[in-house]
Amino acid sequence: MNTIEQHKDSLLRELNQVLKDAEELLKNSEQQAGEGFHSAKDRLEASLKTAKHEIHKIEDKVVKTVRESAKATDAYVHENPWKTAGIAAGVGVLVGLLIARSGK
C-alpha cells in the first residue's frame, strides 16, 4: 500500500470516527430543551447523513480508480516486459548513484 492510499485510509477512518462521535453526541443530548436546539439538531443530523453519503461515494471512486490503475499497470507490464525491465534498471542505477553520491 503506498503513502497516498495510507493517508486516504487514515482520513476516511478519522472522518468516520467524527461522524460516529457526532451521532453519539446527538443521541446523548436529547435531554436538552428548546426549539432552537431541536432545529439545530435536525440540521446537524441532515448534514451528518449527507457527509456519510459523500464519504461512501468518495471511497467508492477511489477504490475504483486504484483498481483501474492497477489493471492498466499490469497490462502495460505484460505487454512491454522489456521496456518495464529497462525502466526498472534505469531507476535502480539512478538510485544507486544517488546513494553513492550522498555517502561522500
Protein backbone atom coordinates (compact mmCIF):
# COMPACT_ATOMS: atom_id res chain seq x y z
CA MET A 1 0.00 0.00 0.00
CA ASN A 2 1.51 3.34 -1.00
CA THR A 3 1.61 6.50 1.07
CA ILE A 4 -1.35 8.13 -0.68
CA GLU A 5 -3.54 5.11 0.00
CA GLN A 6 -2.42 5.06 3.64
CA HIS A 7 -3.28 8.75 4.05
CA LYS A 8 -6.64 8.20 2.33
CA ASP A 9 -7.44 5.26 4.60
CA SER A 10 -6.39 7.25 7.66
CA LEU A 11 -8.51 10.24 6.60
CA LEU A 12 -11.56 8.06 5.94
CA ARG A 13 -11.15 6.35 9.33
CA GLU A 14 -10.91 9.72 11.07
CA LEU A 15 -13.93 11.13 9.21
CA ASN A 16 -15.99 8.06 10.05
CA GLN A 17 -14.98 8.41 13.70
CA VAL A 18 -16.01 12.09 13.70
CA LEU A 19 -19.39 11.11 12.26
CA LYS A 20 -19.84 8.39 14.90
CA ASP A 21 -18.89 10.81 17.68
CA ALA A 22 -21.32 13.44 16.38
CA GLU A 23 -24.13 10.88 16.20
CA GLU A 24 -23.39 9.76 19.76
CA LEU A 25 -23.36 13.37 20.94
CA LEU A 26 -26.77 13.91 19.35
CA LYS A 27 -28.18 10.79 20.99
CA ASN A 28 -26.83 11.79 24.40
CA SER A 29 -28.12 15.36 24.15
CA GLU A 30 -31.82 14.50 23.89
CA GLN A 31 -32.42 15.95 27.37
CA GLN A 32 -31.72 19.47 26.14
CA ALA A 33 -34.81 21.62 25.72
CA GLY A 34 -35.67 24.46 23.42
CA GLU A 35 -36.87 24.81 19.86
CA GLY A 36 -33.55 26.28 18.70
CA PHE A 37 -31.69 23.23 19.95
CA HIS A 38 -34.05 20.82 18.20
CA SER A 39 -33.81 22.78 14.97
CA ALA A 40 -30.00 22.78 15.14
CA LYS A 41 -30.05 19.08 15.98
CA ASP A 42 -32.20 18.33 12.94
CA ARG A 43 -29.86 20.30 10.67
CA LEU A 44 -26.82 18.54 12.12
CA GLU A 45 -28.43 15.13 11.60
CA ALA A 46 -29.16 16.02 7.97
CA SER A 47 -25.58 17.23 7.49
CA LEU A 48 -24.21 14.04 9.02
CA LYS A 49 -26.35 11.92 6.73
CA THR A 50 -25.12 13.87 3.69
CA ALA A 51 -21.50 13.65 4.86
CA LYS A 52 -21.76 9.88 5.29
CA HIS A 53 -23.19 9.52 1.81
CA GLU A 54 -20.42 11.68 0.30
CA ILE A 55 -17.68 9.77 2.15
CA HIS A 56 -19.00 6.49 0.77
CA LYS A 57 -19.14 7.94 -2.75
CA ILE A 58 -15.56 9.22 -2.49
CA GLU A 59 -14.37 5.91 -1.08
CA ASP A 60 -16.04 4.01 -3.93
CA LYS A 61 -14.47 6.33 -6.53
CA VAL A 62 -11.00 5.99 -5.01
CA VAL A 63 -11.26 2.19 -4.88
CA LYS A 64 -12.46 2.09 -8.50
CA THR A 65 -9.63 4.39 -9.65
CA VAL A 66 -6.99 2.38 -7.81
CA ARG A 67 -8.28 -0.87 -9.30
CA GLU A 68 -8.33 0.60 -12.82
CA SER A 69 -4.79 1.95 -12.38
CA ALA A 70 -3.55 -1.41 -11.13
CA LYS A 71 -5.15 -3.20 -14.10
CA ALA A 72 -3.64 -0.69 -16.56
CA THR A 73 -0.20 -1.04 -14.97
CA ASP A 74 -0.46 -4.83 -15.04
CA ALA A 75 -1.50 -4.78 -18.70
CA TYR A 76 1.36 -2.43 -19.61
CA VAL A 77 3.93 -4.59 -17.83
CA HIS A 78 2.65 -7.72 -19.58
CA GLU A 79 2.59 -6.03 -22.99
CA ASN A 80 6.01 -4.37 -22.57
CA PRO A 81 8.16 -6.59 -20.34
CA TRP A 82 11.49 -5.42 -21.80
CA LYS A 83 10.60 -1.74 -21.55
CA THR A 84 9.49 -2.28 -17.97
CA ALA A 85 12.72 -4.12 -17.12
CA GLY A 86 14.73 -1.32 -18.74
CA ILE A 87 12.89 1.37 -16.82
CA ALA A 88 13.32 -0.55 -13.57
CA ALA A 89 17.04 -1.00 -14.25
CA GLY A 90 17.41 2.71 -15.05
CA VAL A 91 15.66 3.72 -11.86
CA GLY A 92 17.87 1.28 -9.94
CA VAL A 93 21.03 2.81 -11.43
CA LEU A 94 19.83 6.34 -10.58
CA VAL A 95 19.01 5.37 -7.01
CA GLY A 96 22.38 3.65 -6.69
CA LEU A 97 24.17 6.77 -7.97
CA LEU A 98 22.24 8.99 -5.57
CA ILE A 99 23.05 6.74 -2.64
CA ALA A 100 26.72 6.59 -3.61
CA ARG A 101 26.85 10.36 -4.04
CA SER A 102 25.18 11.04 -0.66
CA GLY A 103 27.74 8.81 1.06
CA LYS A 104 30.61 11.11 0.08
